[in-house]
N, C-alpha and C. Protein backbone atom coordinates (compact mmCIF):
# COMPACT_ATOMS: atom_id res chain seq x y z
N UNK A 1 28.63 122.56 102.49
CA UNK A 1 28.55 121.42 101.56
C UNK A 1 28.90 120.11 102.28
N UNK A 2 28.12 119.06 102.04
CA UNK A 2 28.44 117.76 102.65
C UNK A 2 29.80 117.27 102.16
N UNK A 3 30.52 116.61 103.04
CA UNK A 3 31.83 116.08 102.68
C UNK A 3 31.67 114.65 102.16
N UNK A 4 32.22 114.39 100.97
CA UNK A 4 32.22 113.06 100.38
C UNK A 4 33.65 112.54 100.41
N UNK A 5 33.81 111.25 100.69
CA UNK A 5 35.14 110.71 100.96
C UNK A 5 35.30 109.31 100.38
N UNK A 6 36.50 109.02 99.92
CA UNK A 6 36.90 107.66 99.61
C UNK A 6 38.18 107.38 100.38
N UNK A 7 38.35 106.14 100.81
CA UNK A 7 39.57 105.73 101.50
C UNK A 7 40.21 104.63 100.67
N UNK A 8 41.46 104.83 100.30
CA UNK A 8 42.15 103.94 99.35
C UNK A 8 41.35 103.82 98.05
N UNK A 9 40.69 104.92 97.67
CA UNK A 9 39.91 104.94 96.44
C UNK A 9 38.56 104.25 96.55
N UNK A 10 38.21 103.79 97.75
CA UNK A 10 36.98 103.02 97.96
C UNK A 10 35.98 103.88 98.73
N UNK A 11 34.70 103.92 98.28
CA UNK A 11 33.71 104.76 98.99
C UNK A 11 33.11 104.09 100.22
N UNK A 12 33.57 102.91 100.58
CA UNK A 12 33.01 102.18 101.73
C UNK A 12 33.67 102.65 103.02
N UNK A 13 33.47 103.93 103.32
CA UNK A 13 34.21 104.56 104.42
C UNK A 13 33.81 104.03 105.79
N UNK A 14 32.57 103.51 105.89
CA UNK A 14 32.11 102.99 107.18
C UNK A 14 32.86 101.76 107.64
N UNK A 15 33.54 101.09 106.71
CA UNK A 15 34.34 99.93 107.09
C UNK A 15 35.64 100.33 107.77
N UNK A 16 36.12 101.54 107.47
CA UNK A 16 37.43 101.99 107.96
C UNK A 16 37.34 102.91 109.17
N UNK A 17 36.13 103.31 109.56
CA UNK A 17 35.96 104.32 110.62
C UNK A 17 34.87 103.87 111.60
N UNK A 18 35.13 104.10 112.88
CA UNK A 18 34.09 103.94 113.91
C UNK A 18 34.08 105.23 114.73
N UNK A 19 32.95 105.93 114.73
CA UNK A 19 32.88 107.25 115.38
C UNK A 19 31.82 107.30 116.47
N UNK A 20 32.09 108.11 117.50
CA UNK A 20 31.12 108.39 118.56
C UNK A 20 30.92 109.91 118.61
N UNK A 21 30.31 110.40 119.67
CA UNK A 21 30.09 111.84 119.80
C UNK A 21 31.39 112.63 119.91
N UNK A 22 32.40 112.05 120.53
CA UNK A 22 33.63 112.80 120.81
C UNK A 22 34.89 112.24 120.17
N UNK A 23 34.85 110.95 119.79
CA UNK A 23 36.06 110.30 119.32
C UNK A 23 35.79 109.46 118.06
N UNK A 24 36.87 109.19 117.33
CA UNK A 24 36.76 108.29 116.18
C UNK A 24 38.02 107.45 116.06
N UNK A 25 37.84 106.22 115.60
CA UNK A 25 38.96 105.35 115.26
C UNK A 25 39.02 105.29 113.74
N UNK A 26 40.21 105.48 113.20
CA UNK A 26 40.43 105.43 111.76
C UNK A 26 41.47 104.34 111.49
N UNK A 27 41.13 103.40 110.62
CA UNK A 27 42.01 102.25 110.40
C UNK A 27 43.17 102.50 109.45
N UNK A 28 43.14 103.63 108.75
CA UNK A 28 44.16 103.97 107.75
C UNK A 28 44.67 105.37 108.05
N UNK A 29 45.96 105.58 107.94
CA UNK A 29 46.51 106.92 108.20
C UNK A 29 46.28 107.80 106.97
N UNK A 30 45.05 108.28 106.85
CA UNK A 30 44.61 109.07 105.70
C UNK A 30 44.33 110.49 106.18
N UNK A 31 45.14 111.43 105.72
CA UNK A 31 45.05 112.81 106.23
C UNK A 31 43.71 113.46 105.92
N UNK A 32 43.19 113.22 104.71
CA UNK A 32 41.90 113.83 104.36
C UNK A 32 40.79 113.27 105.25
N UNK A 33 40.79 111.96 105.48
CA UNK A 33 39.78 111.34 106.34
C UNK A 33 39.88 111.91 107.76
N UNK A 34 41.10 112.04 108.25
CA UNK A 34 41.31 112.58 109.59
C UNK A 34 40.79 114.01 109.69
N UNK A 35 41.10 114.81 108.68
CA UNK A 35 40.67 116.21 108.65
C UNK A 35 39.14 116.31 108.61
N UNK A 36 38.51 115.50 107.76
CA UNK A 36 37.04 115.53 107.65
C UNK A 36 36.39 115.13 108.97
N UNK A 37 36.94 114.12 109.63
CA UNK A 37 36.37 113.68 110.90
C UNK A 37 36.44 114.79 111.95
N UNK A 38 37.57 115.46 112.00
CA UNK A 38 37.73 116.54 112.98
C UNK A 38 36.83 117.72 112.64
N UNK A 39 36.69 118.04 111.35
CA UNK A 39 35.90 119.21 110.94
C UNK A 39 34.39 118.94 110.99
N UNK A 40 33.97 117.82 110.41
CA UNK A 40 32.53 117.56 110.25
C UNK A 40 31.89 116.95 111.49
N UNK A 41 32.61 116.06 112.17
CA UNK A 41 32.05 115.38 113.33
C UNK A 41 32.55 115.98 114.65
N UNK A 42 33.55 116.86 114.56
CA UNK A 42 34.11 117.53 115.74
C UNK A 42 34.58 116.50 116.77
N UNK A 43 35.43 115.56 116.31
CA UNK A 43 35.94 114.49 117.19
C UNK A 43 37.46 114.48 117.19
N UNK A 44 38.03 113.91 118.25
CA UNK A 44 39.45 113.56 118.26
C UNK A 44 39.60 112.21 117.59
N UNK A 45 40.71 112.00 116.89
CA UNK A 45 40.89 110.80 116.08
C UNK A 45 42.12 110.03 116.52
N UNK A 46 41.96 108.71 116.65
CA UNK A 46 43.11 107.83 116.86
C UNK A 46 43.21 106.92 115.63
N UNK A 47 44.43 106.79 115.10
CA UNK A 47 44.68 105.93 113.94
C UNK A 47 45.30 104.63 114.42
N UNK A 48 44.61 103.53 114.17
CA UNK A 48 45.13 102.23 114.54
C UNK A 48 44.39 101.14 113.80
N UNK A 49 45.02 100.00 113.62
CA UNK A 49 44.31 98.81 113.18
C UNK A 49 43.66 98.15 114.40
N UNK A 50 42.78 97.20 114.15
CA UNK A 50 42.22 96.35 115.21
C UNK A 50 42.34 94.91 114.74
N UNK A 51 42.96 94.08 115.56
CA UNK A 51 43.22 92.68 115.17
C UNK A 51 44.00 92.62 113.86
N UNK A 52 44.88 93.61 113.67
CA UNK A 52 45.72 93.66 112.48
C UNK A 52 45.02 94.12 111.22
N UNK A 53 43.75 94.49 111.34
CA UNK A 53 42.96 94.88 110.17
C UNK A 53 42.67 96.38 110.16
N UNK A 54 42.66 96.96 108.95
CA UNK A 54 42.28 98.36 108.79
C UNK A 54 40.77 98.57 108.91
N UNK A 55 40.00 97.50 108.87
CA UNK A 55 38.54 97.61 108.83
C UNK A 55 37.96 97.77 110.23
N UNK A 56 38.36 98.84 110.88
CA UNK A 56 38.00 99.06 112.28
C UNK A 56 36.50 99.33 112.45
N UNK A 57 35.86 99.86 111.42
CA UNK A 57 34.43 100.10 111.49
C UNK A 57 33.65 98.81 111.61
N UNK A 58 34.17 97.77 110.98
CA UNK A 58 33.51 96.46 111.05
C UNK A 58 33.84 95.73 112.35
N UNK A 59 35.00 96.03 112.94
CA UNK A 59 35.50 95.23 114.06
C UNK A 59 35.17 95.79 115.43
N UNK A 60 34.75 97.06 115.50
CA UNK A 60 34.48 97.67 116.81
C UNK A 60 33.12 98.33 116.83
N UNK A 61 32.44 98.27 117.99
CA UNK A 61 31.24 99.08 118.19
C UNK A 61 31.51 99.98 119.39
N UNK A 62 30.90 101.16 119.37
CA UNK A 62 31.25 102.15 120.39
C UNK A 62 30.14 103.16 120.59
N UNK A 63 30.09 103.71 121.80
CA UNK A 63 29.28 104.90 122.08
C UNK A 63 30.06 105.77 123.06
N UNK A 64 29.40 106.73 123.69
CA UNK A 64 30.12 107.66 124.56
C UNK A 64 30.69 107.00 125.81
N UNK A 65 30.24 105.79 126.12
CA UNK A 65 30.74 105.08 127.29
C UNK A 65 31.97 104.23 127.02
N UNK A 66 32.29 104.01 125.75
CA UNK A 66 33.49 103.22 125.46
C UNK A 66 33.41 102.50 124.13
N UNK A 67 34.37 101.60 123.94
CA UNK A 67 34.47 100.85 122.69
C UNK A 67 34.62 99.37 123.00
N UNK A 68 33.88 98.53 122.27
CA UNK A 68 33.96 97.08 122.43
C UNK A 68 34.73 96.49 121.26
N UNK A 69 35.68 95.62 121.57
CA UNK A 69 36.46 94.91 120.56
C UNK A 69 36.57 93.45 120.97
N UNK A 70 36.91 92.59 120.02
CA UNK A 70 37.07 91.17 120.36
C UNK A 70 38.45 90.92 120.94
N UNK A 71 38.63 89.71 121.47
CA UNK A 71 39.92 89.38 122.08
C UNK A 71 41.01 89.11 121.05
N UNK A 72 40.73 89.36 119.77
CA UNK A 72 41.76 89.29 118.73
C UNK A 72 42.63 90.55 118.70
N UNK A 73 42.25 91.57 119.43
CA UNK A 73 43.02 92.82 119.45
C UNK A 73 44.38 92.60 120.09
N UNK A 74 45.40 93.30 119.59
CA UNK A 74 46.74 93.19 120.18
C UNK A 74 46.89 94.19 121.32
N UNK A 75 47.86 93.96 122.17
CA UNK A 75 48.07 94.86 123.31
C UNK A 75 48.46 96.26 122.83
N UNK A 76 49.23 96.34 121.74
CA UNK A 76 49.63 97.64 121.21
C UNK A 76 48.41 98.41 120.68
N UNK A 77 47.53 97.71 119.98
CA UNK A 77 46.31 98.35 119.46
C UNK A 77 45.42 98.81 120.61
N UNK A 78 45.30 97.98 121.63
CA UNK A 78 44.48 98.34 122.78
C UNK A 78 45.04 99.58 123.47
N UNK A 79 46.35 99.64 123.57
CA UNK A 79 47.01 100.80 124.19
C UNK A 79 46.69 102.08 123.41
N UNK A 80 46.73 101.99 122.07
CA UNK A 80 46.41 103.16 121.24
C UNK A 80 44.96 103.61 121.45
N UNK A 81 44.04 102.64 121.43
CA UNK A 81 42.63 102.98 121.63
C UNK A 81 42.40 103.60 123.00
N UNK A 82 43.14 103.14 123.99
CA UNK A 82 42.95 103.60 125.36
C UNK A 82 43.29 105.08 125.55
N UNK A 83 44.00 105.67 124.59
CA UNK A 83 44.30 107.10 124.68
C UNK A 83 43.02 107.94 124.58
N UNK A 84 42.01 107.41 123.86
CA UNK A 84 40.77 108.16 123.71
C UNK A 84 39.56 107.45 124.30
N UNK A 85 39.57 106.13 124.30
CA UNK A 85 38.38 105.37 124.67
C UNK A 85 38.60 104.55 125.94
N UNK A 86 37.51 104.29 126.65
CA UNK A 86 37.47 103.18 127.60
C UNK A 86 37.30 101.92 126.76
N UNK A 87 38.25 101.00 126.84
CA UNK A 87 38.24 99.82 125.97
C UNK A 87 37.79 98.59 126.76
N UNK A 88 36.85 97.84 126.19
CA UNK A 88 36.41 96.60 126.81
C UNK A 88 36.57 95.47 125.78
N UNK A 89 37.25 94.42 126.18
CA UNK A 89 37.51 93.29 125.29
C UNK A 89 36.50 92.19 125.55
N UNK A 90 35.88 91.70 124.48
CA UNK A 90 34.86 90.65 124.57
C UNK A 90 35.42 89.35 124.00
N UNK A 91 35.34 88.29 124.78
CA UNK A 91 35.79 86.98 124.30
C UNK A 91 34.63 86.34 123.54
N UNK A 92 34.71 86.34 122.22
CA UNK A 92 33.62 85.85 121.38
C UNK A 92 34.15 85.40 120.03
N UNK A 93 33.55 84.37 119.43
CA UNK A 93 33.94 84.00 118.07
C UNK A 93 33.41 84.97 117.02
N UNK A 94 32.42 85.80 117.39
CA UNK A 94 31.87 86.79 116.46
C UNK A 94 32.69 88.08 116.58
N UNK A 95 33.81 88.11 115.86
CA UNK A 95 34.81 89.17 116.09
C UNK A 95 34.43 90.52 115.48
N UNK A 96 33.54 90.54 114.49
CA UNK A 96 33.22 91.80 113.82
C UNK A 96 32.08 92.51 114.55
N UNK A 97 32.41 93.06 115.72
CA UNK A 97 31.39 93.66 116.58
C UNK A 97 30.73 94.88 115.95
N UNK A 98 31.46 95.59 115.11
CA UNK A 98 30.86 96.74 114.42
C UNK A 98 29.81 96.34 113.41
N UNK A 99 29.94 95.13 112.87
CA UNK A 99 28.94 94.63 111.93
C UNK A 99 27.66 94.20 112.61
N UNK A 100 27.79 93.69 113.84
CA UNK A 100 26.65 93.00 114.45
C UNK A 100 25.96 93.79 115.57
N UNK A 101 26.45 95.00 115.85
CA UNK A 101 25.81 95.87 116.85
C UNK A 101 25.61 97.26 116.26
N UNK A 102 24.40 97.78 116.35
CA UNK A 102 24.10 99.17 116.00
C UNK A 102 23.75 99.87 117.31
N UNK A 103 24.56 100.85 117.71
CA UNK A 103 24.41 101.41 119.06
C UNK A 103 24.54 102.93 119.05
N UNK A 104 23.76 103.60 119.90
CA UNK A 104 24.00 105.00 120.22
C UNK A 104 24.10 105.10 121.74
N UNK A 105 23.87 106.28 122.31
CA UNK A 105 24.04 106.42 123.76
C UNK A 105 22.79 106.00 124.55
N UNK A 106 21.73 105.61 123.84
CA UNK A 106 20.49 105.22 124.51
C UNK A 106 20.16 103.74 124.39
N UNK A 107 20.53 103.14 123.27
CA UNK A 107 20.14 101.75 123.07
C UNK A 107 20.97 101.08 121.98
N UNK A 108 20.73 99.79 121.81
CA UNK A 108 21.45 99.03 120.78
C UNK A 108 20.56 97.96 120.18
N UNK A 109 20.65 97.80 118.87
CA UNK A 109 20.07 96.67 118.16
C UNK A 109 21.21 95.70 117.85
N UNK A 110 20.99 94.42 118.14
CA UNK A 110 22.05 93.42 118.05
C UNK A 110 21.63 92.28 117.14
N UNK A 111 22.59 91.77 116.38
CA UNK A 111 22.44 90.59 115.51
C UNK A 111 21.63 89.51 116.25
N UNK A 112 20.63 88.93 115.61
CA UNK A 112 19.76 87.96 116.29
C UNK A 112 20.49 86.75 116.87
N UNK A 113 21.65 86.40 116.31
CA UNK A 113 22.37 85.21 116.79
C UNK A 113 23.60 85.55 117.64
N UNK A 114 23.73 86.81 118.03
CA UNK A 114 24.87 87.21 118.86
C UNK A 114 24.85 86.46 120.19
N UNK A 115 26.05 86.09 120.67
CA UNK A 115 26.11 85.32 121.90
C UNK A 115 25.92 86.21 123.13
N UNK A 116 25.73 85.56 124.27
CA UNK A 116 25.40 86.28 125.50
C UNK A 116 26.54 87.19 125.96
N UNK A 117 27.79 86.85 125.62
CA UNK A 117 28.92 87.69 126.01
C UNK A 117 28.83 89.06 125.35
N UNK A 118 28.39 89.09 124.09
CA UNK A 118 28.26 90.37 123.38
C UNK A 118 27.10 91.18 123.97
N UNK A 119 25.96 90.54 124.14
CA UNK A 119 24.79 91.25 124.68
C UNK A 119 25.10 91.81 126.07
N UNK A 120 25.74 91.00 126.90
CA UNK A 120 26.08 91.44 128.25
C UNK A 120 27.05 92.62 128.23
N UNK A 121 28.06 92.57 127.35
CA UNK A 121 29.04 93.66 127.26
C UNK A 121 28.38 94.95 126.81
N UNK A 122 27.48 94.85 125.83
CA UNK A 122 26.78 96.05 125.35
C UNK A 122 25.93 96.65 126.46
N UNK A 123 25.22 95.79 127.19
CA UNK A 123 24.34 96.28 128.26
C UNK A 123 25.13 96.86 129.43
N UNK A 124 26.19 96.17 129.83
CA UNK A 124 26.92 96.60 131.03
C UNK A 124 27.95 97.68 130.72
N UNK A 125 28.75 97.45 129.70
CA UNK A 125 29.86 98.37 129.44
C UNK A 125 29.43 99.60 128.66
N UNK A 126 28.61 99.41 127.61
CA UNK A 126 28.13 100.58 126.87
C UNK A 126 26.89 101.19 127.55
N UNK A 127 26.35 100.45 128.53
CA UNK A 127 25.30 100.95 129.42
C UNK A 127 24.05 101.40 128.66
N UNK A 128 23.52 100.48 127.83
CA UNK A 128 22.31 100.79 127.06
C UNK A 128 21.35 99.60 127.11
N UNK A 129 20.09 99.91 126.82
CA UNK A 129 19.07 98.88 126.61
C UNK A 129 19.37 98.19 125.29
N UNK A 130 19.08 96.90 125.19
CA UNK A 130 19.35 96.17 123.95
C UNK A 130 18.12 95.42 123.48
N UNK A 131 18.10 95.13 122.17
CA UNK A 131 17.10 94.24 121.59
C UNK A 131 17.76 93.54 120.41
N UNK A 132 17.43 92.26 120.22
CA UNK A 132 17.92 91.54 119.05
C UNK A 132 16.91 91.72 117.91
N UNK A 133 17.43 92.03 116.73
CA UNK A 133 16.55 92.25 115.58
C UNK A 133 17.38 92.26 114.30
N UNK A 134 16.70 92.13 113.20
CA UNK A 134 17.30 92.44 111.90
C UNK A 134 16.94 93.88 111.54
N UNK A 135 17.62 94.44 110.54
CA UNK A 135 17.24 95.74 109.97
C UNK A 135 17.24 95.57 108.46
N UNK A 136 16.09 95.71 107.85
CA UNK A 136 15.97 95.41 106.42
C UNK A 136 16.10 93.92 106.15
N UNK A 137 15.75 93.11 107.16
CA UNK A 137 15.90 91.67 107.02
C UNK A 137 17.33 91.19 107.13
N UNK A 138 18.25 92.09 107.44
CA UNK A 138 19.69 91.78 107.46
C UNK A 138 20.16 91.65 108.91
N UNK A 139 20.91 90.59 109.18
CA UNK A 139 21.37 90.34 110.55
C UNK A 139 22.54 91.23 110.95
N UNK A 140 23.35 91.65 109.96
CA UNK A 140 24.50 92.52 110.27
C UNK A 140 24.01 93.96 110.41
N UNK A 141 23.34 94.20 111.53
CA UNK A 141 22.63 95.47 111.76
C UNK A 141 23.57 96.67 111.83
N UNK A 142 24.83 96.44 112.22
CA UNK A 142 25.78 97.54 112.29
C UNK A 142 26.14 98.12 110.95
N UNK A 143 25.92 97.34 109.89
CA UNK A 143 26.20 97.84 108.54
C UNK A 143 24.93 98.16 107.76
N UNK A 144 23.76 97.77 108.29
CA UNK A 144 22.52 98.08 107.57
C UNK A 144 21.82 99.31 108.14
N UNK A 145 22.49 100.00 109.09
CA UNK A 145 21.92 101.21 109.66
C UNK A 145 23.03 102.09 110.25
N UNK A 146 22.76 103.38 110.31
CA UNK A 146 23.61 104.34 111.04
C UNK A 146 22.67 105.16 111.92
N UNK A 147 22.82 105.01 113.23
CA UNK A 147 21.93 105.72 114.16
C UNK A 147 22.78 106.50 115.16
N UNK A 148 22.50 107.80 115.28
CA UNK A 148 23.20 108.67 116.22
C UNK A 148 22.27 109.00 117.38
N UNK A 149 22.67 109.94 118.22
CA UNK A 149 21.80 110.38 119.31
C UNK A 149 20.71 111.35 118.83
N UNK A 150 20.75 111.67 117.54
CA UNK A 150 19.83 112.67 117.00
C UNK A 150 18.86 112.10 115.96
N UNK A 151 19.30 111.10 115.22
CA UNK A 151 18.48 110.52 114.15
C UNK A 151 19.14 109.27 113.60
N UNK A 152 18.65 108.79 112.47
CA UNK A 152 19.25 107.59 111.91
C UNK A 152 18.79 107.32 110.50
N UNK A 153 19.63 106.59 109.77
CA UNK A 153 19.31 106.14 108.41
C UNK A 153 19.37 104.63 108.40
N UNK A 154 18.24 103.99 108.01
CA UNK A 154 18.17 102.54 107.96
C UNK A 154 18.13 102.05 106.51
N UNK A 155 18.51 100.81 106.35
CA UNK A 155 18.36 100.10 105.09
C UNK A 155 16.95 100.35 104.52
N UNK A 156 16.84 100.64 103.21
CA UNK A 156 15.53 100.99 102.65
C UNK A 156 14.50 99.87 102.72
N UNK A 157 14.96 98.63 102.95
CA UNK A 157 14.03 97.51 103.05
C UNK A 157 13.52 97.28 104.48
N UNK A 158 13.89 98.16 105.40
CA UNK A 158 13.45 98.01 106.79
C UNK A 158 11.93 98.00 106.88
N UNK A 159 11.40 97.04 107.62
CA UNK A 159 9.94 96.93 107.79
C UNK A 159 9.46 97.94 108.83
N UNK A 160 8.16 98.14 108.86
CA UNK A 160 7.59 99.04 109.87
C UNK A 160 7.92 98.55 111.28
N UNK A 161 7.88 97.22 111.47
CA UNK A 161 8.20 96.65 112.78
C UNK A 161 9.65 96.94 113.16
N UNK A 162 10.57 96.78 112.20
CA UNK A 162 11.99 97.03 112.48
C UNK A 162 12.23 98.51 112.79
N UNK A 163 11.60 99.39 112.02
CA UNK A 163 11.75 100.82 112.26
C UNK A 163 11.25 101.19 113.66
N UNK A 164 10.08 100.65 114.01
CA UNK A 164 9.52 100.93 115.33
C UNK A 164 10.44 100.42 116.44
N UNK A 165 11.02 99.24 116.23
CA UNK A 165 11.92 98.66 117.23
C UNK A 165 13.15 99.54 117.43
N UNK A 166 13.75 99.99 116.33
CA UNK A 166 14.91 100.88 116.42
C UNK A 166 14.55 102.16 117.16
N UNK A 167 13.42 102.76 116.80
CA UNK A 167 13.03 104.04 117.42
C UNK A 167 12.73 103.86 118.90
N UNK A 168 12.11 102.76 119.26
CA UNK A 168 11.81 102.50 120.68
C UNK A 168 13.08 102.28 121.50
N UNK A 169 13.96 101.44 120.99
CA UNK A 169 15.15 101.05 121.75
C UNK A 169 16.21 102.15 121.76
N UNK A 170 16.37 102.83 120.62
CA UNK A 170 17.46 103.80 120.48
C UNK A 170 17.01 105.25 120.70
N UNK A 171 15.69 105.46 120.84
CA UNK A 171 15.19 106.75 121.29
C UNK A 171 15.28 107.89 120.31
N UNK A 172 15.29 107.59 119.01
CA UNK A 172 15.33 108.65 118.00
C UNK A 172 14.40 108.30 116.84
N UNK A 173 14.00 109.31 116.08
CA UNK A 173 13.27 109.08 114.84
C UNK A 173 14.27 108.74 113.74
N UNK A 174 13.91 107.81 112.86
CA UNK A 174 14.82 107.41 111.79
C UNK A 174 14.11 107.44 110.45
N UNK A 175 14.91 107.50 109.39
CA UNK A 175 14.40 107.39 108.03
C UNK A 175 15.07 106.22 107.33
N UNK A 176 14.69 105.99 106.09
CA UNK A 176 15.31 104.92 105.30
C UNK A 176 15.87 105.50 104.01
N UNK A 177 16.94 104.90 103.52
CA UNK A 177 17.55 105.39 102.29
C UNK A 177 18.75 104.58 101.89
N UNK A 178 19.49 105.09 100.94
CA UNK A 178 20.68 104.41 100.42
C UNK A 178 21.87 105.36 100.42
N UNK A 179 23.04 104.80 100.15
CA UNK A 179 24.28 105.58 100.01
C UNK A 179 25.02 105.08 98.76
N UNK A 180 26.04 105.85 98.36
CA UNK A 180 26.93 105.38 97.28
C UNK A 180 26.18 104.87 96.06
N UNK A 181 25.23 105.68 95.57
CA UNK A 181 24.50 105.39 94.33
C UNK A 181 23.72 104.08 94.42
N UNK A 182 22.96 103.95 95.51
CA UNK A 182 22.01 102.85 95.58
C UNK A 182 22.37 101.70 96.51
N UNK A 183 23.46 101.81 97.27
CA UNK A 183 23.81 100.74 98.21
C UNK A 183 22.86 100.77 99.41
N UNK A 184 22.24 99.60 99.70
CA UNK A 184 21.32 99.56 100.83
C UNK A 184 22.02 99.28 102.16
N UNK A 185 23.32 98.93 102.12
CA UNK A 185 24.08 98.72 103.35
C UNK A 185 24.66 100.06 103.78
N UNK A 186 23.78 100.88 104.36
CA UNK A 186 24.12 102.29 104.58
C UNK A 186 25.29 102.47 105.54
N UNK A 187 25.49 101.52 106.45
CA UNK A 187 26.61 101.63 107.38
C UNK A 187 27.98 101.51 106.72
N UNK A 188 28.02 100.98 105.50
CA UNK A 188 29.30 100.87 104.80
C UNK A 188 29.72 102.18 104.15
N UNK A 189 28.76 103.09 103.97
CA UNK A 189 29.09 104.31 103.22
C UNK A 189 28.73 105.60 103.92
N UNK A 190 28.54 105.53 105.24
CA UNK A 190 28.14 106.73 105.99
C UNK A 190 28.73 106.67 107.39
N UNK A 191 29.33 107.78 107.82
CA UNK A 191 29.87 107.91 109.17
C UNK A 191 29.25 109.16 109.77
N UNK A 192 28.68 109.06 110.98
CA UNK A 192 27.93 110.20 111.51
C UNK A 192 27.93 110.21 113.03
N UNK A 193 27.73 111.42 113.58
CA UNK A 193 27.31 111.58 114.98
C UNK A 193 26.27 112.68 115.01
N UNK A 194 25.91 113.17 116.17
CA UNK A 194 24.83 114.15 116.22
C UNK A 194 25.26 115.52 115.71
N UNK A 195 26.56 115.69 115.44
CA UNK A 195 27.06 116.99 115.00
C UNK A 195 27.27 117.08 113.49
N UNK A 196 27.43 115.92 112.83
CA UNK A 196 27.68 115.97 111.40
C UNK A 196 27.83 114.59 110.80
N UNK A 197 28.14 114.56 109.50
CA UNK A 197 28.30 113.27 108.84
C UNK A 197 29.27 113.39 107.66
N UNK A 198 29.79 112.25 107.23
CA UNK A 198 30.59 112.13 106.02
C UNK A 198 30.01 110.96 105.24
N UNK A 199 29.84 111.13 103.93
CA UNK A 199 29.29 110.06 103.10
C UNK A 199 30.34 109.58 102.09
N UNK A 200 30.16 108.36 101.62
CA UNK A 200 31.03 107.81 100.59
C UNK A 200 30.97 108.63 99.33
N UNK A 201 32.05 108.65 98.57
CA UNK A 201 32.18 109.60 97.46
C UNK A 201 31.18 109.36 96.32
N UNK A 202 30.58 108.18 96.24
CA UNK A 202 29.61 107.91 95.17
C UNK A 202 28.18 108.27 95.55
N UNK A 203 27.99 108.83 96.74
CA UNK A 203 26.65 109.19 97.21
C UNK A 203 26.09 110.35 96.39
N UNK A 204 24.85 110.21 95.93
CA UNK A 204 24.25 111.22 95.05
C UNK A 204 23.61 112.36 95.85
N UNK A 205 23.31 113.44 95.15
CA UNK A 205 22.65 114.57 95.79
C UNK A 205 21.30 114.20 96.38
N UNK A 206 20.55 113.36 95.65
CA UNK A 206 19.26 112.90 96.16
C UNK A 206 19.44 112.12 97.45
N UNK A 207 20.43 111.22 97.47
CA UNK A 207 20.70 110.43 98.67
C UNK A 207 21.12 111.33 99.83
N UNK A 208 21.93 112.33 99.55
CA UNK A 208 22.39 113.25 100.60
C UNK A 208 21.22 113.98 101.25
N UNK A 209 20.22 114.34 100.43
CA UNK A 209 19.05 115.01 100.98
C UNK A 209 18.31 114.13 101.98
N UNK A 210 18.16 112.86 101.65
CA UNK A 210 17.49 111.93 102.56
C UNK A 210 18.33 111.67 103.80
N UNK A 211 19.65 111.57 103.62
CA UNK A 211 20.56 111.37 104.76
C UNK A 211 20.40 112.53 105.76
N UNK A 212 20.41 113.76 105.24
CA UNK A 212 20.30 114.93 106.13
C UNK A 212 18.96 114.97 106.85
N UNK A 213 17.88 114.66 106.13
CA UNK A 213 16.55 114.64 106.76
C UNK A 213 16.48 113.56 107.85
N UNK A 214 17.14 112.43 107.60
CA UNK A 214 17.07 111.30 108.54
C UNK A 214 17.96 111.51 109.76
N UNK A 215 19.14 112.06 109.55
CA UNK A 215 20.09 112.24 110.66
C UNK A 215 19.77 113.48 111.49
N UNK A 216 19.14 114.47 110.86
CA UNK A 216 18.87 115.73 111.57
C UNK A 216 17.40 116.13 111.39
N UNK A 217 16.48 115.30 111.94
CA UNK A 217 15.04 115.56 111.74
C UNK A 217 14.58 116.82 112.48
């Protein structure tokens, strides 16, 4: 059975979690969330805030090569992340890197207005090909899509051109759909890697079917 989760009673779990193939950052010390991540995604979990915020999913982007955070991170937070991740700090005014980068181990789609420091860090440190684009007409691509090394779910308004761009750059087939009873910002309500996924607690059975087809084609 798919695992459905709320954090602090909120189904927007993608805001509180950033996961890769082997590791996850969780912004809240929530035992059920930690257990689900270990069971469903088969990852080790570090619990920490980033820049004093629990919304680590919005603030960090990551793949198997490491995690990117803004220079608002504290030394204590960086030390915690370093237990599991190679951490790279980006000096940028666009601090919500998880919102503006959608990345897997092959490629990344980046907010059209992201500065060169972000693009360079993604290319060099996360070691992937990049392209600037919207997804579903939305610039915050990290929250309008969830793409793993196996598949992906994009905002239902994604155009054919955007879908093709994601598939070319990130090297996987993707589908489109919603989470949490009709939310088109799928990154806010879905956490996944190539081994499994967790959806927000308001996600319907119909939505779960599309999520599974899209993430595991």
